[in-house]
Amino acid sequence: MNASGEYYIVIDSDKCDGCEDCAKKCPKSVLEAVKMIVDIEERCLISVKEEYRNKLRYVCAQCMPEKTKPPCVATCEKNAIEWIWKSSR
């Protein structure tokens, strides 16, 4: 999430299997697979790298989803990743 609260990458932990297809398609390497506890079970899920969490507005600008899906979203066969980009237009 961006510090402004207007730019989000949302990962659905029920759908994500940690395959890393979205991370591989990201031109800026914003995503990574991490081990997390989900419903008392350790699983591998995709997450935004810590160093990018407050910079999505700038780092992900080239993939702004105004006309097409960003590469990370388009490549996820399980529809586990979603962009929320609240444009100021």
N, C-alpha and C. Protein backbone atom coordinates (compact mmCIF):
# COMPACT_ATOMS: atom_id res chain seq x y z
N MET A 1 0.85 -1.18 0.00
CA MET A 1 0.00 0.00 0.00
C MET A 1 0.89 1.23 0.00
N ASN A 2 0.47 2.25 -0.69
CA ASN A 2 1.16 3.52 -0.70
C ASN A 2 0.75 4.30 0.55
N ALA A 3 1.61 5.14 1.06
CA ALA A 3 1.32 5.92 2.26
C ALA A 3 0.08 6.79 2.09
N SER A 4 -0.25 7.16 0.87
CA SER A 4 -1.43 7.97 0.63
C SER A 4 -2.71 7.16 0.78
N GLY A 5 -2.59 5.84 0.79
CA GLY A 5 -3.77 4.98 0.90
C GLY A 5 -4.55 4.86 -0.39
N GLU A 6 -3.94 5.23 -1.51
CA GLU A 6 -4.65 5.20 -2.78
C GLU A 6 -4.16 4.12 -3.73
N TYR A 7 -3.10 3.42 -3.41
CA TYR A 7 -2.52 2.44 -4.30
C TYR A 7 -2.28 1.15 -3.55
N TYR A 8 -2.95 0.09 -3.98
CA TYR A 8 -2.88 -1.18 -3.27
C TYR A 8 -2.63 -2.34 -4.23
N ILE A 9 -1.90 -3.31 -3.76
CA ILE A 9 -1.86 -4.62 -4.39
C ILE A 9 -2.47 -5.54 -3.35
N VAL A 10 -3.54 -6.21 -3.72
CA VAL A 10 -4.26 -7.07 -2.79
C VAL A 10 -4.04 -8.53 -3.20
N ILE A 11 -3.58 -9.34 -2.26
CA ILE A 11 -3.36 -10.77 -2.50
C ILE A 11 -4.41 -11.55 -1.70
N ASP A 12 -5.18 -12.36 -2.38
CA ASP A 12 -6.19 -13.19 -1.71
C ASP A 12 -5.50 -14.46 -1.22
N SER A 13 -5.33 -14.58 0.07
CA SER A 13 -4.60 -15.73 0.64
C SER A 13 -5.34 -17.05 0.46
N ASP A 14 -6.64 -16.99 0.19
CA ASP A 14 -7.38 -18.23 -0.08
C ASP A 14 -7.09 -18.76 -1.48
N LYS A 15 -6.74 -17.87 -2.40
CA LYS A 15 -6.49 -18.27 -3.78
C LYS A 15 -5.01 -18.44 -4.11
N CYS A 16 -4.15 -17.65 -3.46
CA CYS A 16 -2.72 -17.65 -3.77
C CYS A 16 -2.06 -18.95 -3.31
N ASP A 17 -1.29 -19.56 -4.22
CA ASP A 17 -0.56 -20.78 -3.86
C ASP A 17 0.95 -20.55 -3.86
N GLY A 18 1.37 -19.27 -4.00
CA GLY A 18 2.79 -18.95 -3.95
C GLY A 18 3.58 -19.38 -5.16
N CYS A 19 2.93 -19.55 -6.30
CA CYS A 19 3.61 -20.05 -7.50
C CYS A 19 4.67 -19.08 -8.04
N GLU A 20 4.56 -17.82 -7.71
CA GLU A 20 5.50 -16.76 -8.10
C GLU A 20 5.39 -16.33 -9.56
N ASP A 21 4.37 -16.75 -10.29
CA ASP A 21 4.21 -16.30 -11.67
C ASP A 21 4.08 -14.78 -11.74
N CYS A 22 3.33 -14.20 -10.81
CA CYS A 22 3.15 -12.75 -10.80
C CYS A 22 4.46 -12.04 -10.49
N ALA A 23 5.24 -12.57 -9.57
CA ALA A 23 6.53 -11.97 -9.21
C ALA A 23 7.49 -12.00 -10.39
N LYS A 24 7.46 -13.08 -11.16
CA LYS A 24 8.33 -13.21 -12.32
C LYS A 24 7.96 -12.23 -13.42
N LYS A 25 6.68 -11.87 -13.53
CA LYS A 25 6.21 -10.95 -14.57
C LYS A 25 6.36 -9.48 -14.19
N CYS A 26 6.60 -9.20 -12.92
CA CYS A 26 6.70 -7.81 -12.46
C CYS A 26 7.99 -7.18 -12.99
N PRO A 27 7.88 -6.11 -13.79
CA PRO A 27 9.07 -5.49 -14.37
C PRO A 27 9.95 -4.80 -13.33
N LYS A 28 9.43 -4.52 -12.16
CA LYS A 28 10.20 -3.83 -11.12
C LYS A 28 10.54 -4.73 -9.94
N SER A 29 10.21 -6.01 -10.02
CA SER A 29 10.49 -6.98 -8.94
C SER A 29 9.93 -6.53 -7.59
N VAL A 30 8.69 -6.10 -7.60
CA VAL A 30 8.02 -5.60 -6.41
C VAL A 30 7.50 -6.73 -5.52
N LEU A 31 7.23 -7.89 -6.12
CA LEU A 31 6.61 -8.99 -5.39
C LEU A 31 7.62 -10.08 -5.06
N GLU A 32 7.33 -10.80 -3.97
CA GLU A 32 8.17 -11.93 -3.56
C GLU A 32 7.32 -12.97 -2.86
N ALA A 33 7.80 -14.20 -2.84
CA ALA A 33 7.14 -15.27 -2.11
C ALA A 33 7.69 -15.27 -0.68
N VAL A 34 6.79 -15.34 0.29
CA VAL A 34 7.18 -15.37 1.69
C VAL A 34 6.36 -16.42 2.43
N LYS A 35 6.92 -16.95 3.47
CA LYS A 35 6.18 -17.89 4.31
C LYS A 35 5.39 -17.09 5.34
N MET A 36 4.09 -17.41 5.44
CA MET A 36 3.19 -16.72 6.37
C MET A 36 2.31 -17.75 7.06
N ILE A 37 1.83 -17.37 8.20
CA ILE A 37 0.85 -18.20 8.91
C ILE A 37 -0.54 -17.74 8.46
N VAL A 38 -1.30 -18.66 7.88
CA VAL A 38 -2.66 -18.40 7.43
C VAL A 38 -3.53 -19.49 8.03
N ASP A 39 -4.49 -19.08 8.85
CA ASP A 39 -5.39 -20.04 9.50
C ASP A 39 -4.60 -21.16 10.19
N ILE A 40 -3.66 -20.78 11.02
CA ILE A 40 -2.77 -21.64 11.81
C ILE A 40 -1.91 -22.60 11.00
N GLU A 41 -1.78 -22.33 9.73
CA GLU A 41 -0.97 -23.16 8.84
C GLU A 41 0.06 -22.29 8.14
N GLU A 42 1.31 -22.75 8.09
CA GLU A 42 2.34 -22.00 7.37
C GLU A 42 2.22 -22.28 5.88
N ARG A 43 2.15 -21.19 5.10
CA ARG A 43 2.03 -21.31 3.65
C ARG A 43 2.94 -20.32 2.97
N CYS A 44 3.26 -20.59 1.74
CA CYS A 44 4.03 -19.68 0.91
C CYS A 44 3.04 -18.84 0.11
N LEU A 45 3.11 -17.52 0.28
CA LEU A 45 2.22 -16.60 -0.42
C LEU A 45 3.04 -15.48 -1.04
N ILE A 46 2.43 -14.78 -1.96
CA ILE A 46 3.06 -13.63 -2.58
C ILE A 46 2.78 -12.40 -1.72
N SER A 47 3.78 -11.53 -1.65
CA SER A 47 3.67 -10.31 -0.86
C SER A 47 4.45 -9.20 -1.55
N VAL A 48 4.10 -7.96 -1.26
CA VAL A 48 4.86 -6.82 -1.73
C VAL A 48 6.12 -6.72 -0.87
N LYS A 49 7.28 -6.58 -1.50
CA LYS A 49 8.52 -6.46 -0.75
C LYS A 49 8.44 -5.23 0.16
N GLU A 50 8.98 -5.38 1.35
CA GLU A 50 8.93 -4.32 2.36
C GLU A 50 9.40 -2.97 1.83
N GLU A 51 10.49 -2.95 1.08
CA GLU A 51 11.05 -1.69 0.61
C GLU A 51 10.17 -0.95 -0.40
N TYR A 52 9.14 -1.62 -0.92
CA TYR A 52 8.25 -0.99 -1.90
C TYR A 52 6.88 -0.66 -1.33
N ARG A 53 6.58 -1.07 -0.13
CA ARG A 53 5.22 -0.95 0.40
C ARG A 53 4.68 0.47 0.45
N ASN A 54 5.51 1.46 0.65
CA ASN A 54 5.03 2.84 0.67
C ASN A 54 5.42 3.60 -0.59
N LYS A 55 5.80 2.88 -1.63
CA LYS A 55 6.26 3.52 -2.86
C LYS A 55 5.55 3.01 -4.11
N LEU A 56 4.47 2.28 -3.95
CA LEU A 56 3.79 1.68 -5.11
C LEU A 56 3.39 2.72 -6.15
N ARG A 57 2.98 3.86 -5.70
CA ARG A 57 2.56 4.91 -6.62
C ARG A 57 3.67 5.24 -7.62
N TYR A 58 4.90 5.20 -7.18
CA TYR A 58 6.02 5.56 -8.03
C TYR A 58 6.64 4.35 -8.74
N VAL A 59 6.84 3.29 -7.99
CA VAL A 59 7.51 2.11 -8.53
C VAL A 59 6.64 1.41 -9.58
N CYS A 60 5.34 1.37 -9.35
CA CYS A 60 4.43 0.64 -10.24
C CYS A 60 3.74 1.54 -11.26
N ALA A 61 4.18 2.78 -11.38
CA ALA A 61 3.51 3.73 -12.27
C ALA A 61 3.44 3.24 -13.72
N GLN A 62 4.48 2.56 -14.20
CA GLN A 62 4.47 2.11 -15.60
C GLN A 62 3.38 1.07 -15.86
N CYS A 63 2.88 0.43 -14.82
CA CYS A 63 1.85 -0.60 -14.98
C CYS A 63 0.47 -0.12 -14.53
N MET A 64 0.28 1.18 -14.42
CA MET A 64 -1.02 1.69 -13.95
C MET A 64 -2.16 1.02 -14.70
N PRO A 65 -3.05 0.39 -13.96
CA PRO A 65 -4.13 -0.39 -14.60
C PRO A 65 -5.32 0.44 -15.05
N GLU A 66 -5.09 1.42 -15.90
CA GLU A 66 -6.20 2.23 -16.39
C GLU A 66 -6.83 1.65 -17.65
N LYS A 67 -6.01 0.99 -18.47
CA LYS A 67 -6.53 0.46 -19.73
C LYS A 67 -6.44 -1.06 -19.81
N THR A 68 -5.38 -1.61 -19.28
CA THR A 68 -5.19 -3.06 -19.30
C THR A 68 -4.79 -3.53 -17.90
N LYS A 69 -4.86 -4.81 -17.70
CA LYS A 69 -4.43 -5.37 -16.42
C LYS A 69 -2.91 -5.30 -16.33
N PRO A 70 -2.38 -4.97 -15.15
CA PRO A 70 -0.93 -5.00 -14.96
C PRO A 70 -0.42 -6.43 -15.16
N PRO A 71 0.84 -6.62 -15.53
CA PRO A 71 1.38 -7.95 -15.78
C PRO A 71 1.19 -8.92 -14.61
N CYS A 72 1.34 -8.43 -13.39
CA CYS A 72 1.20 -9.31 -12.22
C CYS A 72 -0.23 -9.85 -12.11
N VAL A 73 -1.20 -9.01 -12.39
CA VAL A 73 -2.61 -9.42 -12.31
C VAL A 73 -2.96 -10.32 -13.49
N ALA A 74 -2.53 -9.94 -14.68
CA ALA A 74 -2.87 -10.69 -15.89
C ALA A 74 -2.31 -12.10 -15.89
N THR A 75 -1.17 -12.32 -15.25
CA THR A 75 -0.53 -13.63 -15.28
C THR A 75 -1.07 -14.61 -14.23
N CYS A 76 -1.80 -14.11 -13.24
CA CYS A 76 -2.29 -14.98 -12.17
C CYS A 76 -3.51 -15.79 -12.61
N GLU A 77 -3.30 -17.07 -12.83
CA GLU A 77 -4.38 -17.94 -13.29
C GLU A 77 -5.45 -18.18 -12.22
N LYS A 78 -5.09 -17.98 -10.97
CA LYS A 78 -6.03 -18.20 -9.88
C LYS A 78 -6.77 -16.93 -9.47
N ASN A 79 -6.51 -15.83 -10.16
CA ASN A 79 -7.13 -14.54 -9.84
C ASN A 79 -6.92 -14.16 -8.37
N ALA A 80 -5.72 -14.40 -7.88
CA ALA A 80 -5.43 -14.15 -6.47
C ALA A 80 -4.87 -12.75 -6.22
N ILE A 81 -4.54 -12.03 -7.27
CA ILE A 81 -3.94 -10.71 -7.11
C ILE A 81 -4.80 -9.66 -7.78
N GLU A 82 -4.94 -8.52 -7.11
CA GLU A 82 -5.78 -7.44 -7.62
C GLU A 82 -5.09 -6.11 -7.34
N TRP A 83 -5.23 -5.21 -8.27
CA TRP A 83 -4.73 -3.85 -8.10
C TRP A 83 -5.90 -2.95 -7.76
N ILE A 84 -5.70 -2.07 -6.81
CA ILE A 84 -6.68 -1.01 -6.54
C ILE A 84 -5.91 0.29 -6.70
N TRP A 85 -6.26 1.03 -7.74
CA TRP A 85 -5.54 2.25 -8.08
C TRP A 85 -6.57 3.36 -8.15
N LYS A 86 -6.66 4.15 -7.11
CA LYS A 86 -7.65 5.23 -7.06
C LYS A 86 -7.05 6.47 -7.73
N SER A 87 -7.40 6.65 -8.97
CA SER A 87 -6.88 7.76 -9.75
C SER A 87 -7.45 9.08 -9.24
N SER A 88 -6.63 10.10 -9.27
CA SER A 88 -7.06 11.42 -8.81
C SER A 88 -7.73 12.21 -9.93
N ARG A 89 -8.00 11.58 -11.03
CA ARG A 89 -8.63 12.28 -12.17
C ARG A 89 -10.08 12.54 -11.91
